[in-house]
């Protein structure tokens, strides 16, 4: 079941998954600090109507488990109003079950109701698994940032 985040408990669980996402991204970005932690981020932004935070919940052994989440927020690019899917994470034990696609489809449906001119999603260049999902949902490369490490 996909639902909008409405409680502090759900927001805190999203913070935990954001921390796991950041650790996962260390594979692609060596500058992420080992001890970097996020706390109370989603709790502080969940009540803003323009922010969309969704979780995938499943009832397992009479316990509601959050298996993944997605977060989208409004952005402006050259004075054009759009949305950025800012985070997507599915816990490792629940991957390859279609959860990421379900979350993305639902968040895109909600974003489209707001009539943005575009929907962006950022992905690390070498994250081929994520890029494959985004390709299947018709996202196209738009901008490439190149970096010289020193």
N, C-alpha and C. Protein backbone atom coordinates (compact mmCIF):
# COMPACT_ATOMS: atom_id res chain seq x y z
N UNK A 1 0.85 -1.18 0.00
CA UNK A 1 0.00 0.00 0.00
C UNK A 1 0.90 1.24 0.00
N UNK A 2 0.62 2.15 -0.90
CA UNK A 2 1.37 3.40 -0.96
C UNK A 2 0.51 4.49 -0.34
N UNK A 3 1.11 5.25 0.56
CA UNK A 3 0.38 6.33 1.22
C UNK A 3 1.30 7.51 1.48
N UNK A 4 0.69 8.64 1.67
CA UNK A 4 1.43 9.86 1.97
C UNK A 4 1.90 9.82 3.43
N UNK A 5 3.08 10.34 3.68
CA UNK A 5 3.61 10.40 5.05
C UNK A 5 2.83 11.44 5.83
N UNK A 6 2.27 11.00 6.97
CA UNK A 6 1.45 11.91 7.78
C UNK A 6 1.84 11.89 9.26
N UNK A 7 2.69 10.95 9.66
CA UNK A 7 3.04 10.86 11.08
C UNK A 7 4.54 11.05 11.28
N UNK A 8 4.88 11.43 12.50
CA UNK A 8 6.28 11.60 12.84
C UNK A 8 7.03 10.26 12.76
N UNK A 9 6.36 9.18 13.11
CA UNK A 9 6.99 7.85 13.03
C UNK A 9 7.36 7.53 11.59
N UNK A 10 6.45 7.79 10.65
CA UNK A 10 6.75 7.55 9.23
C UNK A 10 7.87 8.46 8.76
N UNK A 11 7.83 9.73 9.17
CA UNK A 11 8.88 10.67 8.78
C UNK A 11 10.24 10.22 9.30
N UNK A 12 10.28 9.75 10.54
CA UNK A 12 11.55 9.27 11.11
C UNK A 12 12.06 8.05 10.36
N UNK A 13 11.16 7.18 9.94
CA UNK A 13 11.56 6.01 9.15
C UNK A 13 12.14 6.45 7.80
N UNK A 14 11.56 7.48 7.22
CA UNK A 14 12.10 8.02 5.97
C UNK A 14 13.49 8.61 6.20
N UNK A 15 13.71 9.27 7.34
CA UNK A 15 15.06 9.76 7.67
C UNK A 15 16.05 8.61 7.73
N UNK A 16 15.66 7.50 8.33
CA UNK A 16 16.55 6.33 8.41
C UNK A 16 16.88 5.83 7.01
N UNK A 17 15.87 5.76 6.16
CA UNK A 17 16.13 5.28 4.79
C UNK A 17 16.96 6.29 4.01
N UNK A 18 16.78 7.59 4.27
CA UNK A 18 17.62 8.59 3.62
C UNK A 18 19.08 8.39 4.01
N UNK A 19 19.32 8.08 5.27
CA UNK A 19 20.69 7.79 5.70
C UNK A 19 21.25 6.55 4.99
N UNK A 20 20.41 5.54 4.80
CA UNK A 20 20.84 4.35 4.07
C UNK A 20 21.12 4.69 2.61
N UNK A 21 20.28 5.54 2.02
CA UNK A 21 20.49 5.99 0.64
C UNK A 21 21.82 6.72 0.50
N UNK A 22 22.12 7.58 1.45
CA UNK A 22 23.37 8.33 1.41
C UNK A 22 24.56 7.36 1.49
N UNK A 23 24.47 6.37 2.36
CA UNK A 23 25.55 5.37 2.45
C UNK A 23 25.67 4.60 1.14
N UNK A 24 24.54 4.23 0.54
CA UNK A 24 24.57 3.55 -0.76
C UNK A 24 25.26 4.41 -1.82
N UNK A 25 25.04 5.71 -1.76
CA UNK A 25 25.61 6.60 -2.77
C UNK A 25 27.11 6.79 -2.60
N UNK A 26 27.66 6.34 -1.48
CA UNK A 26 29.12 6.39 -1.31
C UNK A 26 29.83 5.58 -2.39
N UNK A 27 29.13 4.59 -2.97
CA UNK A 27 29.72 3.81 -4.07
C UNK A 27 30.06 4.71 -5.25
N UNK A 28 29.30 5.81 -5.40
CA UNK A 28 29.43 6.68 -6.55
C UNK A 28 30.05 8.03 -6.21
N UNK A 29 30.10 8.37 -4.93
CA UNK A 29 30.58 9.68 -4.51
C UNK A 29 31.49 9.52 -3.29
N UNK A 30 32.77 9.57 -3.51
CA UNK A 30 33.73 9.34 -2.43
C UNK A 30 33.78 10.49 -1.42
N UNK A 31 33.12 11.59 -1.71
CA UNK A 31 33.17 12.74 -0.81
C UNK A 31 32.10 12.71 0.28
N UNK A 32 31.22 11.74 0.23
CA UNK A 32 30.21 11.63 1.29
C UNK A 32 30.91 11.19 2.56
N UNK A 33 30.70 11.95 3.61
CA UNK A 33 31.37 11.66 4.87
C UNK A 33 30.76 10.45 5.55
N UNK A 34 31.60 9.62 6.11
CA UNK A 34 31.19 8.37 6.75
C UNK A 34 30.17 8.58 7.86
N UNK A 35 30.33 9.64 8.63
CA UNK A 35 29.47 9.86 9.80
C UNK A 35 28.32 10.84 9.54
N UNK A 36 28.05 11.17 8.29
CA UNK A 36 26.96 12.08 7.95
C UNK A 36 25.63 11.43 8.30
N UNK A 37 24.79 12.12 9.04
CA UNK A 37 23.48 11.60 9.45
C UNK A 37 22.42 12.69 9.30
N UNK A 38 21.24 12.26 8.90
CA UNK A 38 20.09 13.13 8.77
C UNK A 38 19.14 12.82 9.91
N UNK A 39 18.61 13.86 10.57
CA UNK A 39 17.61 13.69 11.61
C UNK A 39 16.54 14.76 11.44
N UNK A 40 15.31 14.36 11.57
CA UNK A 40 14.15 15.25 11.57
C UNK A 40 13.94 16.01 10.27
N UNK A 41 14.57 15.59 9.18
CA UNK A 41 14.41 16.28 7.90
C UNK A 41 12.96 16.17 7.42
N UNK A 42 12.47 14.95 7.29
CA UNK A 42 11.12 14.77 6.74
C UNK A 42 10.04 15.25 7.70
N UNK A 43 10.28 15.14 8.99
CA UNK A 43 9.31 15.65 9.97
C UNK A 43 9.11 17.16 9.77
N UNK A 44 10.20 17.85 9.44
CA UNK A 44 10.14 19.30 9.30
C UNK A 44 9.53 19.77 7.98
N UNK A 45 9.42 18.88 7.00
CA UNK A 45 8.89 19.31 5.71
C UNK A 45 7.61 18.59 5.29
N UNK A 46 7.18 17.60 6.05
CA UNK A 46 6.05 16.76 5.61
C UNK A 46 4.73 17.51 5.57
N UNK A 47 4.58 18.58 6.34
CA UNK A 47 3.30 19.29 6.38
C UNK A 47 3.14 20.32 5.26
N UNK A 48 4.18 20.56 4.49
CA UNK A 48 4.07 21.50 3.38
C UNK A 48 3.37 20.78 2.23
N UNK A 49 2.23 21.29 1.83
CA UNK A 49 1.39 20.63 0.83
C UNK A 49 2.13 20.37 -0.48
N UNK A 50 3.04 21.26 -0.85
CA UNK A 50 3.73 21.10 -2.13
C UNK A 50 4.75 19.95 -2.11
N UNK A 51 5.22 19.57 -0.93
CA UNK A 51 6.13 18.43 -0.81
C UNK A 51 5.33 17.14 -0.83
N UNK A 52 5.83 16.16 -1.54
CA UNK A 52 5.15 14.88 -1.63
C UNK A 52 6.10 13.80 -1.12
N UNK A 53 5.76 13.22 0.00
CA UNK A 53 6.55 12.13 0.59
C UNK A 53 5.62 10.93 0.69
N UNK A 54 5.98 9.88 -0.02
CA UNK A 54 5.16 8.67 -0.03
C UNK A 54 5.97 7.50 0.50
N UNK A 55 5.28 6.58 1.17
CA UNK A 55 5.91 5.34 1.62
C UNK A 55 5.14 4.16 1.07
N UNK A 56 5.85 3.06 0.90
CA UNK A 56 5.24 1.78 0.58
C UNK A 56 5.20 0.99 1.87
N UNK A 57 3.99 0.69 2.35
CA UNK A 57 3.81 -0.04 3.60
C UNK A 57 3.21 -1.40 3.31
N UNK A 58 3.65 -2.37 4.09
CA UNK A 58 3.13 -3.73 3.96
C UNK A 58 2.87 -4.26 5.35
N UNK A 59 1.77 -4.97 5.53
CA UNK A 59 1.48 -5.59 6.81
C UNK A 59 2.14 -6.97 6.82
N UNK A 60 3.16 -7.13 7.64
CA UNK A 60 3.91 -8.37 7.73
C UNK A 60 3.85 -8.85 9.18
N UNK A 61 3.28 -10.03 9.39
CA UNK A 61 3.13 -10.60 10.75
C UNK A 61 2.48 -9.61 11.70
N UNK A 62 1.38 -9.01 11.26
CA UNK A 62 0.62 -8.04 12.06
C UNK A 62 1.41 -6.79 12.43
N UNK A 63 2.44 -6.49 11.66
CA UNK A 63 3.23 -5.28 11.88
C UNK A 63 3.34 -4.54 10.56
N UNK A 64 3.06 -3.22 10.59
CA UNK A 64 3.20 -2.42 9.38
C UNK A 64 4.67 -2.09 9.17
N UNK A 65 5.20 -2.51 8.03
CA UNK A 65 6.60 -2.30 7.68
C UNK A 65 6.66 -1.33 6.51
N UNK A 66 7.49 -0.31 6.64
CA UNK A 66 7.75 0.59 5.52
C UNK A 66 8.90 -0.01 4.73
N UNK A 67 8.63 -0.31 3.45
CA UNK A 67 9.63 -0.99 2.61
C UNK A 67 10.42 -0.01 1.76
N UNK A 68 9.88 1.18 1.52
CA UNK A 68 10.56 2.16 0.70
C UNK A 68 9.82 3.48 0.72
N UNK A 69 10.46 4.49 0.15
CA UNK A 69 9.82 5.81 0.10
C UNK A 69 10.33 6.59 -1.10
N UNK A 70 9.57 7.65 -1.42
CA UNK A 70 9.96 8.59 -2.46
C UNK A 70 9.59 9.99 -1.99
N UNK A 71 10.39 10.96 -2.39
CA UNK A 71 10.16 12.35 -2.00
C UNK A 71 10.31 13.23 -3.23
N UNK A 72 9.32 14.09 -3.47
CA UNK A 72 9.36 15.06 -4.56
C UNK A 72 9.03 16.43 -4.01
N UNK A 73 9.69 17.43 -4.60
CA UNK A 73 9.48 18.81 -4.16
C UNK A 73 9.52 19.74 -5.36
N UNK A 74 8.87 20.90 -5.24
CA UNK A 74 8.88 21.84 -6.35
C UNK A 74 10.26 22.50 -6.51
N UNK A 75 10.60 22.78 -7.76
CA UNK A 75 11.84 23.52 -8.06
C UNK A 75 11.54 24.50 -9.19
N UNK A 76 12.46 25.42 -9.38
CA UNK A 76 12.39 26.36 -10.50
C UNK A 76 13.69 26.22 -11.28
N UNK A 77 13.57 26.20 -12.59
CA UNK A 77 14.73 26.15 -13.46
C UNK A 77 14.52 27.20 -14.54
N UNK A 78 15.34 28.23 -14.53
CA UNK A 78 15.16 29.34 -15.48
C UNK A 78 13.75 29.89 -15.43
N UNK A 79 13.25 30.08 -14.22
CA UNK A 79 11.92 30.63 -13.97
C UNK A 79 10.77 29.72 -14.42
N UNK A 80 11.07 28.47 -14.74
CA UNK A 80 10.04 27.51 -15.12
C UNK A 80 9.76 26.63 -13.91
N UNK A 81 8.48 26.47 -13.58
CA UNK A 81 8.08 25.68 -12.43
C UNK A 81 8.08 24.19 -12.78
N UNK A 82 8.73 23.41 -11.92
CA UNK A 82 8.76 21.97 -12.12
C UNK A 82 8.85 21.26 -10.79
N UNK A 83 9.11 19.99 -10.86
CA UNK A 83 9.28 19.17 -9.66
C UNK A 83 10.55 18.36 -9.79
N UNK A 84 11.14 18.10 -8.65
CA UNK A 84 12.32 17.24 -8.56
C UNK A 84 11.97 16.05 -7.67
N UNK A 85 12.14 14.85 -8.22
CA UNK A 85 12.06 13.67 -7.38
C UNK A 85 13.42 13.59 -6.71
N UNK A 86 13.44 13.98 -5.46
CA UNK A 86 14.67 14.25 -4.73
C UNK A 86 15.26 13.01 -4.06
N UNK A 87 14.43 12.02 -3.79
CA UNK A 87 14.93 10.81 -3.13
C UNK A 87 14.00 9.65 -3.45
N UNK A 88 14.60 8.50 -3.64
CA UNK A 88 13.88 7.26 -3.83
C UNK A 88 14.73 6.18 -3.19
N UNK A 89 14.12 5.39 -2.31
CA UNK A 89 14.87 4.33 -1.65
C UNK A 89 13.95 3.17 -1.31
N UNK A 90 14.42 1.98 -1.61
CA UNK A 90 13.75 0.76 -1.21
C UNK A 90 14.74 -0.05 -0.40
N UNK A 91 14.31 -0.50 0.77
CA UNK A 91 15.20 -1.29 1.62
C UNK A 91 15.68 -2.52 0.85
N UNK A 92 16.92 -2.88 1.09
CA UNK A 92 17.58 -3.92 0.31
C UNK A 92 16.79 -5.23 0.24
N UNK A 93 16.21 -5.63 1.36
CA UNK A 93 15.50 -6.92 1.38
C UNK A 93 14.19 -6.91 0.59
N UNK A 94 13.76 -5.72 0.13
CA UNK A 94 12.51 -5.61 -0.62
C UNK A 94 12.75 -5.18 -2.07
N UNK A 95 13.99 -5.18 -2.51
CA UNK A 95 14.29 -4.77 -3.88
C UNK A 95 13.90 -5.87 -4.88
N UNK A 96 13.78 -5.45 -6.12
CA UNK A 96 13.40 -6.35 -7.22
C UNK A 96 11.98 -6.90 -7.06
N UNK A 97 11.13 -6.11 -6.42
CA UNK A 97 9.73 -6.50 -6.25
C UNK A 97 8.79 -5.48 -6.92
N UNK A 98 9.36 -4.51 -7.64
CA UNK A 98 8.55 -3.50 -8.32
C UNK A 98 8.15 -2.33 -7.44
N UNK A 99 8.67 -2.27 -6.23
CA UNK A 99 8.28 -1.21 -5.29
C UNK A 99 8.73 0.16 -5.78
N UNK A 100 9.95 0.25 -6.28
CA UNK A 100 10.46 1.54 -6.76
C UNK A 100 9.58 2.09 -7.89
N UNK A 101 9.22 1.24 -8.82
CA UNK A 101 8.35 1.69 -9.93
C UNK A 101 6.98 2.12 -9.42
N UNK A 102 6.42 1.37 -8.47
CA UNK A 102 5.12 1.76 -7.91
C UNK A 102 5.21 3.12 -7.24
N UNK A 103 6.26 3.33 -6.45
CA UNK A 103 6.44 4.62 -5.79
C UNK A 103 6.61 5.74 -6.80
N UNK A 104 7.43 5.50 -7.82
CA UNK A 104 7.66 6.53 -8.84
C UNK A 104 6.38 6.85 -9.61
N UNK A 105 5.64 5.82 -10.00
CA UNK A 105 4.39 6.07 -10.73
C UNK A 105 3.41 6.88 -9.89
N UNK A 106 3.29 6.53 -8.62
CA UNK A 106 2.35 7.25 -7.75
C UNK A 106 2.78 8.69 -7.53
N UNK A 107 4.07 8.92 -7.27
CA UNK A 107 4.52 10.29 -7.04
C UNK A 107 4.38 11.11 -8.32
N UNK A 108 4.64 10.50 -9.48
CA UNK A 108 4.49 11.24 -10.74
C UNK A 108 3.03 11.59 -10.99
N UNK A 109 2.11 10.69 -10.65
CA UNK A 109 0.67 11.01 -10.79
C UNK A 109 0.28 12.19 -9.91
N UNK A 110 0.76 12.21 -8.69
CA UNK A 110 0.45 13.33 -7.78
C UNK A 110 1.10 14.63 -8.25
N UNK A 111 2.33 14.54 -8.75
CA UNK A 111 3.03 15.73 -9.25
C UNK A 111 2.29 16.28 -10.47
N UNK A 112 1.87 15.41 -11.37
CA UNK A 112 1.19 15.86 -12.59
C UNK A 112 -0.07 16.65 -12.28
N UNK A 113 -0.73 16.34 -11.16
CA UNK A 113 -1.92 17.09 -10.75
C UNK A 113 -1.59 18.56 -10.47
N UNK A 114 -0.34 18.84 -10.19
CA UNK A 114 0.09 20.21 -9.89
C UNK A 114 0.53 20.97 -11.16
N UNK A 115 0.43 20.30 -12.30
CA UNK A 115 0.72 20.89 -13.61
C UNK A 115 2.11 21.50 -13.75
N UNK A 116 3.15 20.77 -13.38
CA UNK A 116 4.50 21.31 -13.59
C UNK A 116 4.88 21.24 -15.07
N UNK A 117 5.84 22.03 -15.46
CA UNK A 117 6.33 22.00 -16.85
C UNK A 117 7.30 20.84 -17.06
N UNK A 118 7.88 20.33 -15.97
CA UNK A 118 8.83 19.22 -16.08
C UNK A 118 8.91 18.49 -14.76
N UNK A 119 9.43 17.27 -14.82
CA UNK A 119 9.76 16.49 -13.62
C UNK A 119 11.19 16.01 -13.81
N UNK A 120 12.05 16.40 -12.90
CA UNK A 120 13.46 15.98 -12.93
C UNK A 120 13.70 14.90 -11.89
N UNK A 121 14.71 14.11 -12.15
CA UNK A 121 15.20 13.15 -11.17
C UNK A 121 16.71 13.10 -11.32
N UNK A 122 17.42 13.16 -10.22
CA UNK A 122 18.88 13.09 -10.27
C UNK A 122 19.33 11.66 -10.03
N UNK A 123 20.38 11.29 -10.70
CA UNK A 123 20.93 9.94 -10.55
C UNK A 123 22.44 10.03 -10.72
N UNK A 124 23.15 9.26 -9.92
CA UNK A 124 24.60 9.19 -10.07
C UNK A 124 24.93 8.51 -11.39
N UNK A 125 25.94 9.00 -12.07
CA UNK A 125 26.28 8.56 -13.42
C UNK A 125 26.43 7.04 -13.53
N UNK A 126 27.06 6.42 -12.56
CA UNK A 126 27.33 4.99 -12.63
C UNK A 126 26.23 4.12 -12.00
N UNK A 127 25.15 4.72 -11.57
CA UNK A 127 24.06 3.94 -10.97
C UNK A 127 23.14 3.40 -12.07
N UNK A 128 23.61 2.35 -12.72
CA UNK A 128 22.90 1.80 -13.87
C UNK A 128 21.57 1.15 -13.51
N UNK A 129 21.44 0.63 -12.31
CA UNK A 129 20.17 0.03 -11.89
C UNK A 129 19.09 1.11 -11.85
N UNK A 130 19.39 2.23 -11.21
CA UNK A 130 18.41 3.33 -11.13
C UNK A 130 18.14 3.88 -12.53
N UNK A 131 19.17 4.07 -13.33
CA UNK A 131 18.97 4.63 -14.67
C UNK A 131 18.07 3.74 -15.51
N UNK A 132 18.17 2.43 -15.34
CA UNK A 132 17.31 1.51 -16.10
C UNK A 132 15.84 1.73 -15.73
N UNK A 133 15.56 1.87 -14.44
CA UNK A 133 14.18 2.14 -14.00
C UNK A 133 13.68 3.46 -14.57
N UNK A 134 14.52 4.50 -14.50
CA UNK A 134 14.10 5.82 -14.98
C UNK A 134 13.89 5.80 -16.50
N UNK A 135 14.74 5.08 -17.23
CA UNK A 135 14.55 4.92 -18.68
C UNK A 135 13.21 4.28 -18.98
N UNK A 136 12.86 3.24 -18.23
CA UNK A 136 11.59 2.53 -18.44
C UNK A 136 10.39 3.45 -18.20
N UNK A 137 10.57 4.47 -17.39
CA UNK A 137 9.49 5.42 -17.09
C UNK A 137 9.58 6.66 -17.99
N UNK A 138 10.41 6.58 -19.04
CA UNK A 138 10.54 7.62 -20.07
C UNK A 138 11.28 8.88 -19.63
N UNK A 139 12.05 8.81 -18.55
CA UNK A 139 12.95 9.93 -18.24
C UNK A 139 14.07 9.90 -19.27
N UNK A 140 14.50 11.07 -19.70
CA UNK A 140 15.57 11.19 -20.69
C UNK A 140 16.72 12.00 -20.10
N UNK A 141 17.95 11.69 -20.50
CA UNK A 141 19.07 12.52 -20.03
C UNK A 141 18.82 13.98 -20.42
N UNK A 142 19.09 14.86 -19.49
CA UNK A 142 18.84 16.28 -19.74
C UNK A 142 20.10 17.13 -19.52
N UNK A 143 20.79 16.86 -18.44
CA UNK A 143 21.94 17.67 -18.08
C UNK A 143 23.00 16.72 -17.54
N UNK A 144 24.24 17.00 -17.85
CA UNK A 144 25.34 16.20 -17.35
C UNK A 144 26.32 17.12 -16.66
N UNK A 145 26.62 16.83 -15.41
CA UNK A 145 27.64 17.57 -14.67
C UNK A 145 28.91 16.74 -14.67
N UNK A 146 29.99 17.33 -15.08
CA UNK A 146 31.26 16.62 -15.11
C UNK A 146 32.10 17.17 -13.95
N UNK A 147 32.93 16.31 -13.36
CA UNK A 147 33.72 16.70 -12.19
C UNK A 147 35.16 16.25 -12.36
N UNK A 148 36.05 17.10 -11.93
CA UNK A 148 37.47 16.77 -11.86
C UNK A 148 37.83 16.67 -10.39
N UNK A 149 38.16 15.46 -9.93
CA UNK A 149 38.59 15.29 -8.55
C UNK A 149 40.02 15.75 -8.38
N UNK A 150 40.29 16.37 -7.25
CA UNK A 150 41.66 16.83 -6.97
C UNK A 150 42.24 16.06 -5.83
